[in-house]
């Protein structure tokens, strides 16, 4: 079974935002890659220091992450970084899990209705 598409929200005018516009390419790349990486792995915006090099194929990812912290886009925390205001713009794990449970309940109910009286089909 193939992996379902997973989406992260990126504001269409993000590139002209006052914090984003002046970023050099490596910082912009790490920031956007971090949004995707955290969304895919359901980390709620946390990137462990030991994993920062897996987020993006840029040079010196730790120093770039530190620069993003200075720019106000990452927050330094125990063991790594948090994407600033991640939960404001992206769905959190709790929201994602609740949505999955809701969809599964709906699928189960649909299947129950569909298959509950198969004797009349024959």
C-alpha atoms as a PDB file:
ATOM      1  CA  UNK A   1       0.000   0.000   0.000  1.00  0.00           C
ATOM      2  CA  UNK A   2       1.387   3.383  -0.922  1.00  0.00           C
ATOM      3  CA  UNK A   3       1.877   6.107   1.642  1.00  0.00           C
ATOM      4  CA  UNK A   4      -0.923   8.698   1.590  1.00  0.00           C
ATOM      5  CA  UNK A   5      -0.086  12.214   0.527  1.00  0.00           C
ATOM      6  CA  UNK A   6       0.806  14.399   3.479  1.00  0.00           C
ATOM      7  CA  UNK A   7       0.594  18.153   3.190  1.00  0.00           C
ATOM      8  CA  UNK A   8       2.075  21.033   5.137  1.00  0.00           C
ATOM      9  CA  UNK A   9       0.690  24.550   4.967  1.00  0.00           C
ATOM     10  CA  UNK A  10       2.871  27.192   3.394  1.00  0.00           C
ATOM     11  CA  UNK A  11       1.524  30.712   3.184  1.00  0.00           C
ATOM     12  CA  UNK A  12       1.619  31.730  -0.483  1.00  0.00           C
ATOM     13  CA  UNK A  13       3.130  35.106   0.315  1.00  0.00           C
ATOM     14  CA  UNK A  14       5.614  33.600   2.779  1.00  0.00           C
ATOM     15  CA  UNK A  15       8.592  34.425   0.581  1.00  0.00           C
ATOM     16  CA  UNK A  16       7.909  38.154   0.952  1.00  0.00           C
ATOM     17  CA  UNK A  17       7.353  38.019   4.738  1.00  0.00           C
ATOM     18  CA  UNK A  18       9.715  40.316   6.645  1.00  0.00           C
ATOM     19  CA  UNK A  19      11.414  37.380   8.396  1.00  0.00           C
ATOM     20  CA  UNK A  20      11.720  35.267   5.231  1.00  0.00           C
ATOM     21  CA  UNK A  21      12.626  37.739   2.487  1.00  0.00           C
ATOM     22  CA  UNK A  22      16.152  38.561   3.726  1.00  0.00           C
ATOM     23  CA  UNK A  23      17.133  34.905   4.300  1.00  0.00           C
ATOM     24  CA  UNK A  24      19.985  33.441   2.267  1.00  0.00           C
ATOM     25  CA  UNK A  25      19.105  30.380   0.201  1.00  0.00           C
ATOM     26  CA  UNK A  26      20.445  27.853   2.722  1.00  0.00           C
ATOM     27  CA  UNK A  27      18.297  29.282   5.517  1.00  0.00           C
ATOM     28  CA  UNK A  28      15.209  29.443   3.338  1.00  0.00           C
ATOM     29  CA  UNK A  29      15.803  25.852   2.233  1.00  0.00           C
ATOM     30  CA  UNK A  30      16.265  24.573   5.781  1.00  0.00           C
ATOM     31  CA  UNK A  31      13.166  26.410   6.979  1.00  0.00           C
ATOM     32  CA  UNK A  32      10.888  25.027   4.254  1.00  0.00           C
ATOM     33  CA  UNK A  33      12.427  21.544   4.451  1.00  0.00           C
ATOM     34  CA  UNK A  34      11.922  21.633   8.222  1.00  0.00           C
ATOM     35  CA  UNK A  35       8.209  22.338   7.815  1.00  0.00           C
ATOM     36  CA  UNK A  36       7.875  19.330   5.510  1.00  0.00           C
ATOM     37  CA  UNK A  37      10.100  17.090   7.631  1.00  0.00           C
ATOM     38  CA  UNK A  38       8.238  17.853  10.853  1.00  0.00           C
ATOM     39  CA  UNK A  39       4.847  17.387   9.224  1.00  0.00           C
ATOM     40  CA  UNK A  40       5.861  14.071   7.685  1.00  0.00           C
ATOM     41  CA  UNK A  41       7.248  12.739  10.983  1.00  0.00           C
ATOM     42  CA  UNK A  42       4.554  14.265  13.208  1.00  0.00           C
ATOM     43  CA  UNK A  43       7.055  16.000  15.488  1.00  0.00           C
ATOM     44  CA  UNK A  44       4.861  19.043  16.184  1.00  0.00           C
ATOM     45  CA  UNK A  45       7.691  21.264  14.955  1.00  0.00           C
ATOM     46  CA  UNK A  46      10.515  19.739  17.003  1.00  0.00           C
ATOM     47  CA  UNK A  47      13.816  18.895  15.312  1.00  0.00           C
ATOM     48  CA  UNK A  48      16.344  17.043  17.430  1.00  0.00           C
ATOM     49  CA  UNK A  49      19.857  18.409  17.186  1.00  0.00           C
ATOM     50  CA  UNK A  50      21.131  14.939  16.270  1.00  0.00           C
ATOM     51  CA  UNK A  51      18.715  14.800  13.313  1.00  0.00           C
ATOM     52  CA  UNK A  52      19.124  18.299  11.862  1.00  0.00           C
ATOM     53  CA  UNK A  53      21.458  17.016   9.144  1.00  0.00           C
ATOM     54  CA  UNK A  54      18.703  14.671   7.907  1.00  0.00           C
ATOM     55  CA  UNK A  55      16.225  17.483   7.369  1.00  0.00           C
ATOM     56  CA  UNK A  56      17.861  19.176   4.397  1.00  0.00           C
ATOM     57  CA  UNK A  57      20.864  18.562   2.122  1.00  0.00           C
ATOM     58  CA  UNK A  58      22.467  21.897   2.963  1.00  0.00           C
ATOM     59  CA  UNK A  59      25.972  22.518   4.265  1.00  0.00           C
ATOM     60  CA  UNK A  60      26.428  23.201   7.993  1.00  0.00           C
ATOM     61  CA  UNK A  61      22.802  22.609   9.035  1.00  0.00           C
ATOM     62  CA  UNK A  62      23.523  23.317  12.725  1.00  0.00           C
ATOM     63  CA  UNK A  63      24.905  26.772  12.015  1.00  0.00           C
ATOM     64  CA  UNK A  64      22.039  27.466   9.610  1.00  0.00           C
ATOM     65  CA  UNK A  65      19.551  26.389  12.302  1.00  0.00           C
ATOM     66  CA  UNK A  66      21.244  28.774  14.733  1.00  0.00           C
ATOM     67  CA  UNK A  67      20.870  31.567  12.175  1.00  0.00           C
ATOM     68  CA  UNK A  68      17.156  30.715  11.830  1.00  0.00           C
ATOM     69  CA  UNK A  69      16.860  30.982  15.604  1.00  0.00           C
ATOM     70  CA  UNK A  70      18.435  34.461  15.448  1.00  0.00           C
ATOM     71  CA  UNK A  71      15.940  35.358  12.713  1.00  0.00           C
ATOM     72  CA  UNK A  72      13.049  34.284  14.958  1.00  0.00           C
ATOM     73  CA  UNK A  73      11.993  31.299  12.833  1.00  0.00           C
ATOM     74  CA  UNK A  74      13.371  28.558  15.108  1.00  0.00           C
ATOM     75  CA  UNK A  75      13.319  28.475  18.884  1.00  0.00           C
ATOM     76  CA  UNK A  76      16.209  26.766  20.660  1.00  0.00           C
ATOM     77  CA  UNK A  77      15.000  24.167  23.155  1.00  0.00           C
ATOM     78  CA  UNK A  78      16.347  21.183  25.074  1.00  0.00           C
ATOM     79  CA  UNK A  79      17.823  18.763  22.580  1.00  0.00           C
ATOM     80  CA  UNK A  80      17.231  20.751  19.421  1.00  0.00           C
ATOM     81  CA  UNK A  81      14.946  23.345  17.854  1.00  0.00           C
ATOM     82  CA  UNK A  82      11.248  24.082  17.576  1.00  0.00           C
ATOM     83  CA  UNK A  83       9.852  25.782  14.509  1.00  0.00           C
ATOM     84  CA  UNK A  84       8.466  29.066  15.837  1.00  0.00           C
ATOM     85  CA  UNK A  85       4.631  29.041  15.964  1.00  0.00           C
ATOM     86  CA  UNK A  86       4.481  25.634  14.253  1.00  0.00           C
ATOM     87  CA  UNK A  87       1.169  24.708  15.900  1.00  0.00           C
ATOM     88  CA  UNK A  88      -0.370  28.024  14.829  1.00  0.00           C
ATOM     89  CA  UNK A  89       0.098  27.219  11.134  1.00  0.00           C
ATOM     90  CA  UNK A  90       0.274  23.404  10.990  1.00  0.00           C
ATOM     91  CA  UNK A  91      -1.971  20.679  12.364  1.00  0.00           C
ATOM     92  CA  UNK A  92      -0.674  19.137  15.581  1.00  0.00           C
ATOM     93  CA  UNK A  93      -0.457  15.407  16.240  1.00  0.00           C
ATOM     94  CA  UNK A  94      -3.635  15.569  18.326  1.00  0.00           C
ATOM     95  CA  UNK A  95      -5.586  17.118  15.455  1.00  0.00           C
ATOM     96  CA  UNK A  96      -4.167  14.633  12.940  1.00  0.00           C
ATOM     97  CA  UNK A  97      -4.912  11.616  15.140  1.00  0.00           C
ATOM     98  CA  UNK A  98      -8.462  12.798  15.836  1.00  0.00           C
ATOM     99  CA  UNK A  99      -9.029  13.293  12.103  1.00  0.00           C
ATOM    100  CA  UNK A 100      -7.710   9.783  11.401  1.00  0.00           C
ATOM    101  CA  UNK A 101      -9.936   8.267  14.090  1.00  0.00           C
ATOM    102  CA  UNK A 102     -12.933  10.137  12.702  1.00  0.00           C
ATOM    103  CA  UNK A 103     -12.247   8.862   9.181  1.00  0.00           C
ATOM    104  CA  UNK A 104     -11.756   5.311  10.464  1.00  0.00           C
ATOM    105  CA  UNK A 105     -15.039   5.435  12.393  1.00  0.00           C
ATOM    106  CA  UNK A 106     -16.779   6.629   9.234  1.00  0.00           C
ATOM    107  CA  UNK A 107     -15.198   3.866   7.157  1.00  0.00           C
ATOM    108  CA  UNK A 108     -16.146   1.252   9.753  1.00  0.00           C
ATOM    109  CA  UNK A 109     -19.740   2.470   9.816  1.00  0.00           C
ATOM    110  CA  UNK A 110     -19.928   2.480   6.029  1.00  0.00           C
ATOM    111  CA  UNK A 111     -18.594  -1.069   5.897  1.00  0.00           C
ATOM    112  CA  UNK A 112     -20.990  -2.192   8.620  1.00  0.00           C
ATOM    113  CA  UNK A 113     -23.952  -0.809   6.671  1.00  0.00           C
ATOM    114  CA  UNK A 114     -22.678  -2.191   3.373  1.00  0.00           C
ATOM    115  CA  UNK A 115     -22.020  -5.697   4.661  1.00  0.00           C
ATOM    116  CA  UNK A 116     -24.600  -6.060   7.457  1.00  0.00           C
ATOM    117  CA  UNK A 117     -27.279  -7.781   5.377  1.00  0.00           C
ATOM    118  CA  UNK A 118     -25.491  -9.610   2.595  1.00  0.00           C
ATOM    119  CA  UNK A 119     -28.096 -12.437   2.604  1.00  0.00           C
ATOM    120  CA  UNK A 120     -30.493 -10.317   0.536  1.00  0.00           C
ATOM    121  CA  UNK A 121     -27.844  -9.817  -2.171  1.00  0.00           C
ATOM    122  CA  UNK A 122     -27.648 -13.504  -3.135  1.00  0.00           C
END
